[in-house]
Amino acid sequence: MIWTPLTATDLAAQLTARGHPVSTHIVDHLPAAHACRRRKAQKSLPRREQEDRDEQFVTTARWTREYLDRGTRS
């Protein structure tokens, strides 16, 4: 395990449920001892540098226009 989205409380609860009773305090120290870390959201490129960042919105608008132009089917 390299990272986890779980909190120390969640990890402690899961370990306890699996027969390894442990406190949240101990779980807080486990990642550092085993080269693990909490997962953090990361952005690879800032929006202003992202090419075609509006493409999804243009495509969705086109699909919406096409759908509405067809009218409703009975």
N, C-alpha and C. Protein backbone atom coordinates (compact mmCIF):
# COMPACT_ATOMS: atom_id res chain seq x y z
N MET A 1 0.85 -1.17 0.00
CA MET A 1 0.00 0.00 0.00
C MET A 1 0.90 1.23 0.00
N ILE A 2 0.68 2.11 -0.97
CA ILE A 2 1.47 3.34 -1.05
C ILE A 2 0.68 4.50 -0.46
N TRP A 3 -0.63 4.54 -0.73
CA TRP A 3 -1.48 5.62 -0.20
C TRP A 3 -2.84 5.04 0.15
N THR A 4 -3.59 5.81 0.92
CA THR A 4 -4.95 5.41 1.27
C THR A 4 -5.82 6.65 1.42
N PRO A 5 -7.08 6.58 0.98
CA PRO A 5 -8.00 7.69 1.19
C PRO A 5 -8.67 7.62 2.56
N LEU A 6 -8.40 6.56 3.33
CA LEU A 6 -9.05 6.36 4.62
C LEU A 6 -8.42 7.22 5.72
N THR A 7 -9.25 7.62 6.65
CA THR A 7 -8.75 8.36 7.81
C THR A 7 -8.18 7.37 8.82
N ALA A 8 -7.46 7.89 9.79
CA ALA A 8 -6.91 7.03 10.85
C ALA A 8 -8.03 6.32 11.59
N THR A 9 -9.15 7.01 11.80
CA THR A 9 -10.30 6.40 12.47
C THR A 9 -10.85 5.23 11.65
N ASP A 10 -10.97 5.43 10.33
CA ASP A 10 -11.45 4.37 9.46
C ASP A 10 -10.52 3.16 9.48
N LEU A 11 -9.22 3.43 9.38
CA LEU A 11 -8.25 2.34 9.39
C LEU A 11 -8.28 1.58 10.72
N ALA A 12 -8.35 2.31 11.83
CA ALA A 12 -8.41 1.67 13.15
C ALA A 12 -9.65 0.79 13.26
N ALA A 13 -10.77 1.28 12.77
CA ALA A 13 -12.02 0.50 12.82
C ALA A 13 -11.91 -0.77 11.98
N GLN A 14 -11.32 -0.66 10.79
CA GLN A 14 -11.18 -1.84 9.94
C GLN A 14 -10.21 -2.86 10.54
N LEU A 15 -9.11 -2.39 11.08
CA LEU A 15 -8.16 -3.30 11.71
C LEU A 15 -8.79 -4.00 12.92
N THR A 16 -9.53 -3.25 13.72
CA THR A 16 -10.19 -3.82 14.90
C THR A 16 -11.22 -4.85 14.46
N ALA A 17 -11.97 -4.56 13.41
CA ALA A 17 -12.98 -5.49 12.90
C ALA A 17 -12.34 -6.78 12.40
N ARG A 18 -11.10 -6.70 11.98
CA ARG A 18 -10.40 -7.89 11.47
C ARG A 18 -9.57 -8.60 12.54
N GLY A 19 -9.82 -8.22 13.79
CA GLY A 19 -9.18 -8.91 14.89
C GLY A 19 -7.84 -8.33 15.34
N HIS A 20 -7.56 -7.10 14.94
CA HIS A 20 -6.31 -6.44 15.35
C HIS A 20 -6.66 -5.13 16.04
N PRO A 21 -7.08 -5.18 17.30
CA PRO A 21 -7.48 -3.96 17.99
C PRO A 21 -6.32 -2.96 18.07
N VAL A 22 -6.57 -1.76 17.60
CA VAL A 22 -5.54 -0.73 17.57
C VAL A 22 -6.23 0.63 17.73
N SER A 23 -5.53 1.57 18.35
CA SER A 23 -6.11 2.89 18.56
C SER A 23 -5.82 3.79 17.35
N THR A 24 -6.59 4.84 17.24
CA THR A 24 -6.39 5.83 16.19
C THR A 24 -5.01 6.46 16.32
N HIS A 25 -4.56 6.67 17.53
CA HIS A 25 -3.24 7.27 17.78
C HIS A 25 -2.13 6.41 17.16
N ILE A 26 -2.21 5.11 17.33
CA ILE A 26 -1.20 4.21 16.75
C ILE A 26 -1.28 4.23 15.24
N VAL A 27 -2.50 4.22 14.69
CA VAL A 27 -2.68 4.24 13.24
C VAL A 27 -2.10 5.51 12.64
N ASP A 28 -2.17 6.62 13.38
CA ASP A 28 -1.58 7.87 12.90
C ASP A 28 -0.08 7.73 12.64
N HIS A 29 0.58 6.88 13.40
CA HIS A 29 2.03 6.72 13.27
C HIS A 29 2.43 5.62 12.29
N LEU A 30 1.51 4.76 11.90
CA LEU A 30 1.84 3.65 11.00
C LEU A 30 2.31 4.09 9.61
N PRO A 31 1.64 5.03 8.95
CA PRO A 31 2.08 5.37 7.60
C PRO A 31 3.54 5.81 7.51
N ALA A 32 3.98 6.65 8.42
CA ALA A 32 5.37 7.11 8.39
C ALA A 32 6.34 5.96 8.61
N ALA A 33 5.96 5.03 9.46
CA ALA A 33 6.83 3.89 9.75
C ALA A 33 6.92 2.91 8.58
N HIS A 34 5.93 2.96 7.67
CA HIS A 34 5.90 2.00 6.56
C HIS A 34 5.90 2.69 5.20
N ALA A 35 6.38 3.91 5.13
CA ALA A 35 6.50 4.66 3.87
C ALA A 35 5.17 4.81 3.14
N CYS A 36 4.11 5.01 3.87
CA CYS A 36 2.80 5.25 3.29
C CYS A 36 2.40 6.69 3.59
N ARG A 37 1.39 7.16 2.88
CA ARG A 37 0.90 8.51 3.14
C ARG A 37 -0.57 8.60 2.76
N ARG A 38 -1.22 9.64 3.27
CA ARG A 38 -2.62 9.88 2.88
C ARG A 38 -2.64 10.41 1.47
N ARG A 39 -3.63 10.02 0.71
CA ARG A 39 -3.75 10.47 -0.67
C ARG A 39 -4.28 11.89 -0.69
N LYS A 40 -3.65 12.70 -1.51
CA LYS A 40 -4.10 14.08 -1.68
C LYS A 40 -4.46 14.30 -3.15
N ALA A 41 -5.48 15.10 -3.38
CA ALA A 41 -5.86 15.43 -4.75
C ALA A 41 -4.74 16.23 -5.39
N GLN A 42 -4.43 15.89 -6.62
CA GLN A 42 -3.37 16.60 -7.33
C GLN A 42 -3.88 17.03 -8.69
N LYS A 43 -3.42 18.16 -9.12
CA LYS A 43 -3.78 18.69 -10.42
C LYS A 43 -2.53 18.67 -11.28
N SER A 44 -2.57 18.03 -12.42
CA SER A 44 -1.37 17.91 -13.23
C SER A 44 -1.03 19.20 -13.97
N LEU A 45 -2.04 19.91 -14.44
CA LEU A 45 -1.81 21.18 -15.13
C LEU A 45 -2.79 22.22 -14.63
N PRO A 46 -2.34 23.43 -14.40
CA PRO A 46 -3.29 24.49 -14.05
C PRO A 46 -4.25 24.70 -15.22
N ARG A 47 -5.46 25.10 -14.94
CA ARG A 47 -6.47 25.27 -15.98
C ARG A 47 -6.01 26.17 -17.11
N ARG A 48 -5.34 27.24 -16.82
CA ARG A 48 -4.97 28.19 -17.87
C ARG A 48 -3.97 27.60 -18.85
N GLU A 49 -3.26 26.53 -18.46
CA GLU A 49 -2.29 25.91 -19.34
C GLU A 49 -2.86 24.68 -20.05
N GLN A 50 -4.05 24.26 -19.69
CA GLN A 50 -4.66 23.06 -20.24
C GLN A 50 -5.23 23.37 -21.63
N GLU A 51 -4.70 22.68 -22.65
CA GLU A 51 -5.26 22.83 -23.99
C GLU A 51 -6.62 22.16 -24.03
N ASP A 52 -7.50 22.67 -24.84
CA ASP A 52 -8.83 22.08 -25.06
C ASP A 52 -9.63 21.92 -23.77
N ARG A 53 -9.43 22.79 -22.80
CA ARG A 53 -10.14 22.62 -21.53
C ARG A 53 -11.63 22.82 -21.68
N ASP A 54 -12.06 23.57 -22.69
CA ASP A 54 -13.48 23.83 -22.88
C ASP A 54 -14.15 22.82 -23.81
N GLU A 55 -13.39 21.89 -24.33
CA GLU A 55 -13.92 20.94 -25.31
C GLU A 55 -15.12 20.17 -24.77
N GLN A 56 -15.07 19.71 -23.53
CA GLN A 56 -16.18 18.95 -22.98
C GLN A 56 -17.46 19.77 -22.90
N PHE A 57 -17.32 21.06 -22.60
CA PHE A 57 -18.50 21.92 -22.50
C PHE A 57 -19.07 22.23 -23.88
N VAL A 58 -18.20 22.41 -24.85
CA VAL A 58 -18.65 22.66 -26.23
C VAL A 58 -19.38 21.43 -26.75
N THR A 59 -18.83 20.25 -26.49
CA THR A 59 -19.45 19.00 -26.94
C THR A 59 -20.81 18.80 -26.27
N THR A 60 -20.89 19.02 -24.98
CA THR A 60 -22.16 18.87 -24.26
C THR A 60 -23.20 19.85 -24.78
N ALA A 61 -22.80 21.08 -25.04
CA ALA A 61 -23.72 22.08 -25.58
C ALA A 61 -24.22 21.66 -26.97
N ARG A 62 -23.33 21.11 -27.79
CA ARG A 62 -23.72 20.65 -29.12
C ARG A 62 -24.73 19.52 -29.02
N TRP A 63 -24.45 18.55 -28.14
CA TRP A 63 -25.38 17.42 -27.97
C TRP A 63 -26.74 17.90 -27.47
N THR A 64 -26.74 18.86 -26.56
CA THR A 64 -27.99 19.41 -26.03
C THR A 64 -28.78 20.09 -27.14
N ARG A 65 -28.08 20.89 -27.95
CA ARG A 65 -28.73 21.58 -29.07
C ARG A 65 -29.34 20.57 -30.05
N GLU A 66 -28.57 19.54 -30.39
CA GLU A 66 -29.06 18.52 -31.32
C GLU A 66 -30.28 17.80 -30.75
N TYR A 67 -30.25 17.49 -29.48
CA TYR A 67 -31.38 16.81 -28.83
C TYR A 67 -32.63 17.68 -28.86
N LEU A 68 -32.45 18.94 -28.49
CA LEU A 68 -33.61 19.84 -28.46
C LEU A 68 -34.13 20.13 -29.84
N ASP A 69 -33.27 20.19 -30.84
CA ASP A 69 -33.69 20.44 -32.22
C ASP A 69 -34.53 19.28 -32.77
N ARG A 70 -34.28 18.07 -32.29
CA ARG A 70 -35.05 16.91 -32.73
C ARG A 70 -36.47 16.93 -32.18
N GLY A 71 -36.67 17.61 -31.08
CA GLY A 71 -37.99 17.64 -30.44
C GLY A 71 -38.21 16.39 -29.61
N THR A 72 -39.36 16.35 -28.94
CA THR A 72 -39.66 15.20 -28.10
C THR A 72 -40.36 14.13 -28.92
N ARG A 73 -40.12 12.88 -28.56
CA ARG A 73 -40.76 11.76 -29.25
C ARG A 73 -41.91 11.25 -28.39
N SER A 74 -43.01 10.93 -29.00
CA SER A 74 -44.16 10.42 -28.25
C SER A 74 -44.17 8.92 -28.28
